[in-house]
Amino acid sequence: MTRKLYLVIIFVVLAAVVATGAYLRQRGKMAAEAATCDTPAPPPPPTAPPPPKLPGFVIETACGTGAEAKPPAKAPARAGAKGK
């Protein structure tokens, strides 16, 4: 490889290291400012509008609520099985 290619590679790596350092420094400053903040962040905006109120529309309860579970069915005995 030529000397110019080595210099370009070194320059790109050095620029990446400098950019990473600047990013981490800025991120640290923002974290320090957030730690000293006394007011909480505002709640997020609602994602969807509530459903419209339709006349005569009522939501029914789900099936099986409040009822006891049925016991499992007994398996039929196999032919030729000996019971002890």
PDB file of N, CA and C in Angstrom:
ATOM      1  N   MET A   1       0.850  -1.178   0.000  1.00  0.00           N
ATOM      2  CA  MET A   1       0.000   0.000   0.000  1.00  0.00           C
ATOM      3  C   MET A   1       0.892   1.236   0.000  1.00  0.00           C
ATOM      4  N   THR A   2       0.313   2.287  -0.513  1.00  0.00           N
ATOM      5  CA  THR A   2       1.117   3.501  -0.621  1.00  0.00           C
ATOM      6  C   THR A   2       1.060   4.298   0.667  1.00  0.00           C
ATOM      7  N   ARG A   3       1.967   5.215   0.760  1.00  0.00           N
ATOM      8  CA  ARG A   3       2.056   6.054   1.950  1.00  0.00           C
ATOM      9  C   ARG A   3       0.820   6.932   2.096  1.00  0.00           C
ATOM     10  N   LYS A   4       0.252   7.408   0.990  1.00  0.00           N
ATOM     11  CA  LYS A   4      -0.942   8.270   1.058  1.00  0.00           C
ATOM     12  C   LYS A   4      -2.141   7.500   1.610  1.00  0.00           C
ATOM     13  N   LEU A   5      -2.273   6.235   1.227  1.00  0.00           N
ATOM     14  CA  LEU A   5      -3.387   5.430   1.722  1.00  0.00           C
ATOM     15  C   LEU A   5      -3.277   5.234   3.232  1.00  0.00           C
ATOM     16  N   TYR A   6      -2.060   4.979   3.734  1.00  0.00           N
ATOM     17  CA  TYR A   6      -1.864   4.861   5.167  1.00  0.00           C
ATOM     18  C   TYR A   6      -2.239   6.158   5.885  1.00  0.00           C
ATOM     19  N   LEU A   7      -1.859   7.276   5.329  1.00  0.00           N
ATOM     20  CA  LEU A   7      -2.186   8.564   5.941  1.00  0.00           C
ATOM     21  C   LEU A   7      -3.696   8.803   5.963  1.00  0.00           C
ATOM     22  N   VAL A   8      -4.390   8.417   4.916  1.00  0.00           N
ATOM     23  CA  VAL A   8      -5.845   8.583   4.873  1.00  0.00           C
ATOM     24  C   VAL A   8      -6.503   7.701   5.931  1.00  0.00           C
ATOM     25  N   ILE A   9      -6.043   6.463   6.042  1.00  0.00           N
ATOM     26  CA  ILE A   9      -6.616   5.548   7.036  1.00  0.00           C
ATOM     27  C   ILE A   9      -6.373   6.076   8.452  1.00  0.00           C
ATOM     28  N   ILE A  10      -5.178   6.548   8.728  1.00  0.00           N
ATOM     29  CA  ILE A  10      -4.868   7.102  10.044  1.00  0.00           C
ATOM     30  C   ILE A  10      -5.730   8.330  10.308  1.00  0.00           C
ATOM     31  N   PHE A  11      -5.902   9.181   9.307  1.00  0.00           N
ATOM     32  CA  PHE A  11      -6.730  10.373   9.480  1.00  0.00           C
ATOM     33  C   PHE A  11      -8.182  10.008   9.779  1.00  0.00           C
ATOM     34  N   VAL A  12      -8.737   9.012   9.091  1.00  0.00           N
ATOM     35  CA  VAL A  12     -10.130   8.595   9.315  1.00  0.00           C
ATOM     36  C   VAL A  12     -10.290   8.030  10.726  1.00  0.00           C
ATOM     37  N   VAL A  13      -9.361   7.223  11.161  1.00  0.00           N
ATOM     38  CA  VAL A  13      -9.431   6.650  12.513  1.00  0.00           C
ATOM     39  C   VAL A  13      -9.311   7.751  13.558  1.00  0.00           C
ATOM     40  N   LEU A  14      -8.394   8.675  13.366  1.00  0.00           N
ATOM     41  CA  LEU A  14      -8.228   9.779  14.298  1.00  0.00           C
ATOM     42  C   LEU A  14      -9.483  10.654  14.346  1.00  0.00           C
ATOM     43  N   ALA A  15     -10.097  10.917  13.204  1.00  0.00           N
ATOM     44  CA  ALA A  15     -11.331  11.712  13.171  1.00  0.00           C
ATOM     45  C   ALA A  15     -12.462  10.988  13.888  1.00  0.00           C
ATOM     46  N   ALA A  16     -12.535   9.667  13.748  1.00  0.00           N
ATOM     47  CA  ALA A  16     -13.577   8.897  14.443  1.00  0.00           C
ATOM     48  C   ALA A  16     -13.375   8.952  15.954  1.00  0.00           C
ATOM     49  N   VAL A  17     -12.134   8.876  16.411  1.00  0.00           N
ATOM     50  CA  VAL A  17     -11.855   8.960  17.847  1.00  0.00           C
ATOM     51  C   VAL A  17     -12.223  10.331  18.387  1.00  0.00           C
ATOM     52  N   VAL A  18     -11.893  11.381  17.664  1.00  0.00           N
ATOM     53  CA  VAL A  18     -12.228  12.743  18.094  1.00  0.00           C
ATOM     54  C   VAL A  18     -13.746  12.945  18.122  1.00  0.00           C
ATOM     55  N   ALA A  19     -14.437  12.466  17.111  1.00  0.00           N
ATOM     56  CA  ALA A  19     -15.895  12.610  17.069  1.00  0.00           C
ATOM     57  C   ALA A  19     -16.555  11.838  18.208  1.00  0.00           C
ATOM     58  N   THR A  20     -16.044  10.653  18.525  1.00  0.00           N
ATOM     59  CA  THR A  20     -16.588   9.876  19.636  1.00  0.00           C
ATOM     60  C   THR A  20     -16.380  10.599  20.959  1.00  0.00           C
ATOM     61  N   GLY A  21     -15.212  11.171  21.149  1.00  0.00           N
ATOM     62  CA  GLY A  21     -14.942  11.939  22.371  1.00  0.00           C
ATOM     63  C   GLY A  21     -15.858  13.136  22.501  1.00  0.00           C
ATOM     64  N   ALA A  22     -16.088  13.857  21.404  1.00  0.00           N
ATOM     65  CA  ALA A  22     -16.987  15.009  21.440  1.00  0.00           C
ATOM     66  C   ALA A  22     -18.420  14.576  21.746  1.00  0.00           C
ATOM     67  N   TYR A  23     -18.847  13.482  21.168  1.00  0.00           N
ATOM     68  CA  TYR A  23     -20.199  12.976  21.424  1.00  0.00           C
ATOM     69  C   TYR A  23     -20.375  12.591  22.890  1.00  0.00           C
ATOM     70  N   LEU A  24     -19.407  11.856  23.430  1.00  0.00           N
ATOM     71  CA  LEU A  24     -19.516  11.431  24.818  1.00  0.00           C
ATOM     72  C   LEU A  24     -19.454  12.607  25.786  1.00  0.00           C
ATOM     73  N   ARG A  25     -18.680  13.614  25.460  1.00  0.00           N
ATOM     74  CA  ARG A  25     -18.605  14.804  26.308  1.00  0.00           C
ATOM     75  C   ARG A  25     -19.935  15.546  26.317  1.00  0.00           C
ATOM     76  N   GLN A  26     -20.526  15.711  25.144  1.00  0.00           N
ATOM     77  CA  GLN A  26     -21.821  16.385  25.053  1.00  0.00           C
ATOM     78  C   GLN A  26     -22.899  15.589  25.772  1.00  0.00           C
ATOM     79  N   ARG A  27     -22.858  14.262  25.624  1.00  0.00           N
ATOM     80  CA  ARG A  27     -23.839  13.401  26.284  1.00  0.00           C
ATOM     81  C   ARG A  27     -23.695  13.489  27.806  1.00  0.00           C
ATOM     82  N   GLY A  28     -22.473  13.574  28.295  1.00  0.00           N
ATOM     83  CA  GLY A  28     -22.235  13.718  29.730  1.00  0.00           C
ATOM     84  C   GLY A  28     -22.766  15.032  30.263  1.00  0.00           C
ATOM     85  N   LYS A  29     -22.602  16.099  29.497  1.00  0.00           N
ATOM     86  CA  LYS A  29     -23.134  17.401  29.909  1.00  0.00           C
ATOM     87  C   LYS A  29     -24.657  17.361  29.986  1.00  0.00           C
ATOM     88  N   MET A  30     -25.290  16.736  29.012  1.00  0.00           N
ATOM     89  CA  MET A  30     -26.755  16.658  29.002  1.00  0.00           C
ATOM     90  C   MET A  30     -27.256  15.809  30.170  1.00  0.00           C
ATOM     91  N   ALA A  31     -26.539  14.732  30.513  1.00  0.00           N
ATOM     92  CA  ALA A  31     -26.943  13.884  31.631  1.00  0.00           C
ATOM     93  C   ALA A  31     -26.799  14.640  32.946  1.00  0.00           C
ATOM     94  N   ALA A  32     -25.757  15.457  33.069  1.00  0.00           N
ATOM     95  CA  ALA A  32     -25.570  16.237  34.292  1.00  0.00           C
ATOM     96  C   ALA A  32     -26.674  17.274  34.441  1.00  0.00           C
ATOM     97  N   GLU A  33     -27.094  17.893  33.344  1.00  0.00           N
ATOM     98  CA  GLU A  33     -28.180  18.866  33.404  1.00  0.00           C
ATOM     99  C   GLU A  33     -29.499  18.189  33.757  1.00  0.00           C
ATOM    100  N   ALA A  34     -29.728  16.998  33.246  1.00  0.00           N
ATOM    101  CA  ALA A  34     -30.973  16.285  33.526  1.00  0.00           C
ATOM    102  C   ALA A  34     -31.028  15.847  34.985  1.00  0.00           C
ATOM    103  N   ALA A  35     -29.884  15.560  35.591  1.00  0.00           N
ATOM    104  CA  ALA A  35     -29.855  15.119  36.983  1.00  0.00           C
ATOM    105  C   ALA A  35     -30.194  16.255  37.936  1.00  0.00           C
ATOM    106  N   THR A  36     -29.938  17.498  37.542  1.00  0.00           N
ATOM    107  CA  THR A  36     -30.209  18.636  38.415  1.00  0.00           C
ATOM    108  C   THR A  36     -31.601  19.213  38.197  1.00  0.00           C
ATOM    109  N   CYS A  37     -32.365  18.662  37.296  1.00  0.00           N
ATOM    110  CA  CYS A  37     -33.696  19.183  36.989  1.00  0.00           C
ATOM    111  C   CYS A  37     -34.671  18.790  38.096  1.00  0.00           C
ATOM    112  N   ASP A  38     -35.466  19.752  38.583  1.00  0.00           N
ATOM    113  CA  ASP A  38     -36.416  19.493  39.660  1.00  0.00           C
ATOM    114  C   ASP A  38     -37.801  19.125  39.149  1.00  0.00           C
ATOM    115  N   THR A  39     -38.132  19.523  37.946  1.00  0.00           N
ATOM    116  CA  THR A  39     -39.474  19.257  37.432  1.00  0.00           C
ATOM    117  C   THR A  39     -39.460  18.003  36.572  1.00  0.00           C
ATOM    118  N   PRO A  40     -40.484  17.175  36.713  1.00  0.00           N
ATOM    119  CA  PRO A  40     -40.532  15.968  35.882  1.00  0.00           C
ATOM    120  C   PRO A  40     -40.896  16.311  34.442  1.00  0.00           C
ATOM    121  N   ALA A  41     -40.637  15.391  33.576  1.00  0.00           N
ATOM    122  CA  ALA A  41     -40.969  15.585  32.164  1.00  0.00           C
ATOM    123  C   ALA A  41     -42.485  15.548  31.993  1.00  0.00           C
ATOM    124  N   PRO A  42     -43.017  16.272  31.024  1.00  0.00           N
ATOM    125  CA  PRO A  42     -44.461  16.228  30.798  1.00  0.00           C
ATOM    126  C   PRO A  42     -44.886  14.849  30.298  1.00  0.00           C
ATOM    127  N   PRO A  43     -46.139  14.484  30.548  1.00  0.00           N
ATOM    128  CA  PRO A  43     -46.587  13.166  30.076  1.00  0.00           C
ATOM    129  C   PRO A  43     -46.610  13.136  28.549  1.00  0.00           C
ATOM    130  N   PRO A  44     -46.445  11.945  27.974  1.00  0.00           N
ATOM    131  CA  PRO A  44     -46.464  11.849  26.515  1.00  0.00           C
ATOM    132  C   PRO A  44     -47.866  12.146  25.977  1.00  0.00           C
ATOM    133  N   PRO A  45     -47.957  12.657  24.772  1.00  0.00           N
ATOM    134  CA  PRO A  45     -49.276  12.943  24.207  1.00  0.00           C
ATOM    135  C   PRO A  45     -50.036  11.651  23.944  1.00  0.00           C
ATOM    136  N   PRO A  46     -51.351  11.693  23.965  1.00  0.00           N
ATOM    137  CA  PRO A  46     -52.117  10.473  23.689  1.00  0.00           C
ATOM    138  C   PRO A  46     -51.854   9.991  22.268  1.00  0.00           C
ATOM    139  N   THR A  47     -51.791   8.671  22.116  1.00  0.00           N
ATOM    140  CA  THR A  47     -51.462   8.114  20.809  1.00  0.00           C
ATOM    141  C   THR A  47     -52.669   8.059  19.886  1.00  0.00           C
ATOM    142  N   ALA A  48     -53.847   7.840  20.439  1.00  0.00           N
ATOM    143  CA  ALA A  48     -55.043   7.746  19.608  1.00  0.00           C
ATOM    144  C   ALA A  48     -56.201   8.432  20.330  1.00  0.00           C
ATOM    145  N   PRO A  49     -57.127   9.021  19.582  1.00  0.00           N
ATOM    146  CA  PRO A  49     -58.266   9.650  20.242  1.00  0.00           C
ATOM    147  C   PRO A  49     -59.175   8.582  20.842  1.00  0.00           C
ATOM    148  N   PRO A  50     -59.892   8.909  21.924  1.00  0.00           N
ATOM    149  CA  PRO A  50     -60.786   7.927  22.516  1.00  0.00           C
ATOM    150  C   PRO A  50     -61.924   7.586  21.551  1.00  0.00           C
ATOM    151  N   PRO A  51     -62.508   6.390  21.681  1.00  0.00           N
ATOM    152  CA  PRO A  51     -63.594   6.021  20.766  1.00  0.00           C
ATOM    153  C   PRO A  51     -64.813   6.907  20.989  1.00  0.00           C
ATOM    154  N   PRO A  52     -65.610   7.144  19.941  1.00  0.00           N
ATOM    155  CA  PRO A  52     -66.785   8.003  20.100  1.00  0.00           C
ATOM    156  C   PRO A  52     -67.848   7.298  20.941  1.00  0.00           C
ATOM    157  N   LYS A  53     -68.666   8.097  21.614  1.00  0.00           N
ATOM    158  CA  LYS A  53     -69.765   7.559  22.412  1.00  0.00           C
ATOM    159  C   LYS A  53     -70.968   7.377  21.493  1.00  0.00           C
ATOM    160  N   LEU A  54     -71.330   6.116  21.257  1.00  0.00           N
ATOM    161  CA  LEU A  54     -72.448   5.805  20.390  1.00  0.00           C
ATOM    162  C   LEU A  54     -73.690   5.524  21.239  1.00  0.00           C
ATOM    163  N   PRO A  55     -74.854   6.048  20.845  1.00  0.00           N
ATOM    164  CA  PRO A  55     -76.060   5.781  21.621  1.00  0.00           C
ATOM    165  C   PRO A  55     -76.467   4.311  21.492  1.00  0.00           C
ATOM    166  N   GLY A  56     -76.795   3.683  22.610  1.00  0.00           N
ATOM    167  CA  GLY A  56     -77.243   2.305  22.612  1.00  0.00           C
ATOM    168  C   GLY A  56     -76.133   1.289  22.517  1.00  0.00           C
ATOM    169  N   PHE A  57     -74.885   1.705  22.536  1.00  0.00           N
ATOM    170  CA  PHE A  57     -73.767   0.775  22.446  1.00  0.00           C
ATOM    171  C   PHE A  57     -73.227   0.521  23.837  1.00  0.00           C
ATOM    172  N   VAL A  58     -73.264  -0.750  24.272  1.00  0.00           N
ATOM    173  CA  VAL A  58     -72.794  -1.111  25.599  1.00  0.00           C
ATOM    174  C   VAL A  58     -71.796  -2.260  25.456  1.00  0.00           C
ATOM    175  N   ILE A  59     -70.711  -2.181  26.178  1.00  0.00           N
ATOM    176  CA  ILE A  59     -69.729  -3.252  26.159  1.00  0.00           C
ATOM    177  C   ILE A  59     -70.179  -4.313  27.137  1.00  0.00           C
ATOM    178  N   GLU A  60     -70.288  -5.552  26.666  1.00  0.00           N
ATOM    179  CA  GLU A  60     -70.728  -6.649  27.514  1.00  0.00           C
ATOM    180  C   GLU A  60     -69.540  -7.266  28.225  1.00  0.00           C
ATOM    181  N   THR A  61     -69.823  -7.947  29.335  1.00  0.00           N
ATOM    182  CA  THR A  61     -68.754  -8.634  30.044  1.00  0.00           C
ATOM    183  C   THR A  61     -68.330  -9.864  29.242  1.00  0.00           C
ATOM    184  N   ALA A  62     -67.142 -10.300  29.448  1.00  0.00           N
ATOM    185  CA  ALA A  62     -66.612 -11.442  28.706  1.00  0.00           C
ATOM    186  C   ALA A  62     -67.276 -12.729  29.163  1.00  0.00           C
ATOM    187  N   CYS A  63     -67.316 -13.706  28.303  1.00  0.00           N
ATOM    188  CA  CYS A  63     -67.923 -14.993  28.624  1.00  0.00           C
ATOM    189  C   CYS A  63     -67.091 -15.708  29.684  1.00  0.00           C
ATOM    190  N   GLY A  64     -67.754 -16.324  30.617  1.00  0.00           N
ATOM    191  CA  GLY A  64     -67.067 -17.136  31.592  1.00  0.00           C
ATOM    192  C   GLY A  64     -66.542 -16.392  32.792  1.00  0.00           C
ATOM    193  N   THR A  65     -66.791 -15.123  32.900  1.00  0.00           N
ATOM    194  CA  THR A  65     -66.282 -14.411  34.062  1.00  0.00           C
ATOM    195  C   THR A  65     -67.138 -14.752  35.265  1.00  0.00           C
ATOM    196  N   GLY A  66     -66.513 -15.058  36.353  1.00  0.00           N
ATOM    197  CA  GLY A  66     -67.219 -15.371  37.579  1.00  0.00           C
ATOM    198  C   GLY A  66     -67.673 -16.820  37.671  1.00  0.00           C
ATOM    199  N   ALA A  67     -67.552 -17.582  36.629  1.00  0.00           N
ATOM    200  CA  ALA A  67     -67.974 -18.978  36.658  1.00  0.00           C
ATOM    201  C   ALA A  67     -66.791 -19.853  37.040  1.00  0.00           C
ATOM    202  N   GLU A  68     -67.100 -21.004  37.627  1.00  0.00           N
ATOM    203  CA  GLU A  68     -66.038 -21.926  38.008  1.00  0.00           C
ATOM    204  C   GLU A  68     -65.582 -22.731  36.793  1.00  0.00           C
ATOM    205  N   ALA A  69     -64.349 -23.147  36.821  1.00  0.00           N
ATOM    206  CA  ALA A  69     -63.805 -23.938  35.721  1.00  0.00           C
ATOM    207  C   ALA A  69     -64.369 -25.346  35.785  1.00  0.00           C
ATOM    208  N   LYS A  70     -64.625 -25.932  34.630  1.00  0.00           N
ATOM    209  CA  LYS A  70     -65.140 -27.296  34.568  1.00  0.00           C
ATOM    210  C   LYS A  70     -64.018 -28.271  34.883  1.00  0.00           C
ATOM    211  N   PRO A  71     -64.324 -29.374  35.603  1.00  0.00           N
ATOM    212  CA  PRO A  71     -63.275 -30.360  35.872  1.00  0.00           C
ATOM    213  C   PRO A  71     -62.905 -31.071  34.573  1.00  0.00           C
ATOM    214  N   PRO A  72     -61.665 -31.538  34.452  1.00  0.00           N
ATOM    215  CA  PRO A  72     -61.255 -32.219  33.216  1.00  0.00           C
ATOM    216  C   PRO A  72     -62.013 -33.531  33.050  1.00  0.00           C
ATOM    217  N   ALA A  73     -62.258 -33.873  31.802  1.00  0.00           N
ATOM    218  CA  ALA A  73     -62.972 -35.119  31.509  1.00  0.00           C
ATOM    219  C   ALA A  73     -62.053 -36.300  31.795  1.00  0.00           C
ATOM    220  N   LYS A  74     -62.662 -37.414  32.269  1.00  0.00           N
ATOM    221  CA  LYS A  74     -61.879 -38.604  32.565  1.00  0.00           C
ATOM    222  C   LYS A  74     -61.532 -39.306  31.260  1.00  0.00           C
ATOM    223  N   ALA A  75     -60.317 -39.786  31.173  1.00  0.00           N
ATOM    224  CA  ALA A  75     -59.881 -40.508  29.978  1.00  0.00           C
ATOM    225  C   ALA A  75     -60.479 -41.909  30.020  1.00  0.00           C
ATOM    226  N   PRO A  76     -60.951 -42.427  28.879  1.00  0.00           N
ATOM    227  CA  PRO A  76     -61.503 -43.784  28.877  1.00  0.00           C
ATOM    228  C   PRO A  76     -60.403 -44.802  29.129  1.00  0.00           C
ATOM    229  N   ALA A  77     -60.766 -45.901  29.810  1.00  0.00           N
ATOM    230  CA  ALA A  77     -59.812 -46.966  30.122  1.00  0.00           C
ATOM    231  C   ALA A  77     -59.411 -47.687  28.852  1.00  0.00           C
ATOM    232  N   ARG A  78     -58.143 -48.013  28.740  1.00  0.00           N
ATOM    233  CA  ARG A  78     -57.675 -48.735  27.558  1.00  0.00           C
ATOM    234  C   ARG A  78     -57.997 -50.218  27.700  1.00  0.00           C
ATOM    235  N   ALA A  79     -58.280 -50.826  26.578  1.00  0.00           N
ATOM    236  CA  ALA A  79     -58.561 -52.264  26.578  1.00  0.00           C
ATOM    237  C   ALA A  79     -57.282 -53.027  26.828  1.00  0.00           C
ATOM    238  N   GLY A  80     -57.322 -53.993  27.712  1.00  0.00           N
ATOM    239  CA  GLY A  80     -56.152 -54.803  27.988  1.00  0.00           C
ATOM    240  C   GLY A  80     -55.294 -54.280  29.100  1.00  0.00           C
ATOM    241  N   ALA A  81     -55.631 -53.112  29.687  1.00  0.00           N
ATOM    242  CA  ALA A  81     -54.828 -52.557  30.779  1.00  0.00           C
ATOM    243  C   ALA A  81     -55.269 -53.239  32.064  1.00  0.00           C
ATOM    244  N   LYS A  82     -54.293 -53.662  32.859  1.00  0.00           N
ATOM    245  CA  LYS A  82     -54.612 -54.320  34.119  1.00  0.00           C
ATOM    246  C   LYS A  82     -54.545 -53.299  35.255  1.00  0.00           C
ATOM    247  N   GLY A  83     -55.551 -53.342  36.088  1.00  0.00           N
ATOM    248  CA  GLY A  83     -55.560 -52.439  37.242  1.00  0.00           C
ATOM    249  C   GLY A  83     -55.098 -53.175  38.471  1.00  0.00           C
ATOM    250  N   LYS A  84     -54.300 -52.547  39.304  1.00  0.00           N
ATOM    251  CA  LYS A  84     -53.811 -53.201  40.517  1.00  0.00           C
ATOM    252  C   LYS A  84     -54.515 -52.648  41.717  1.00  0.00           C
TER     253      LYS A  84
END
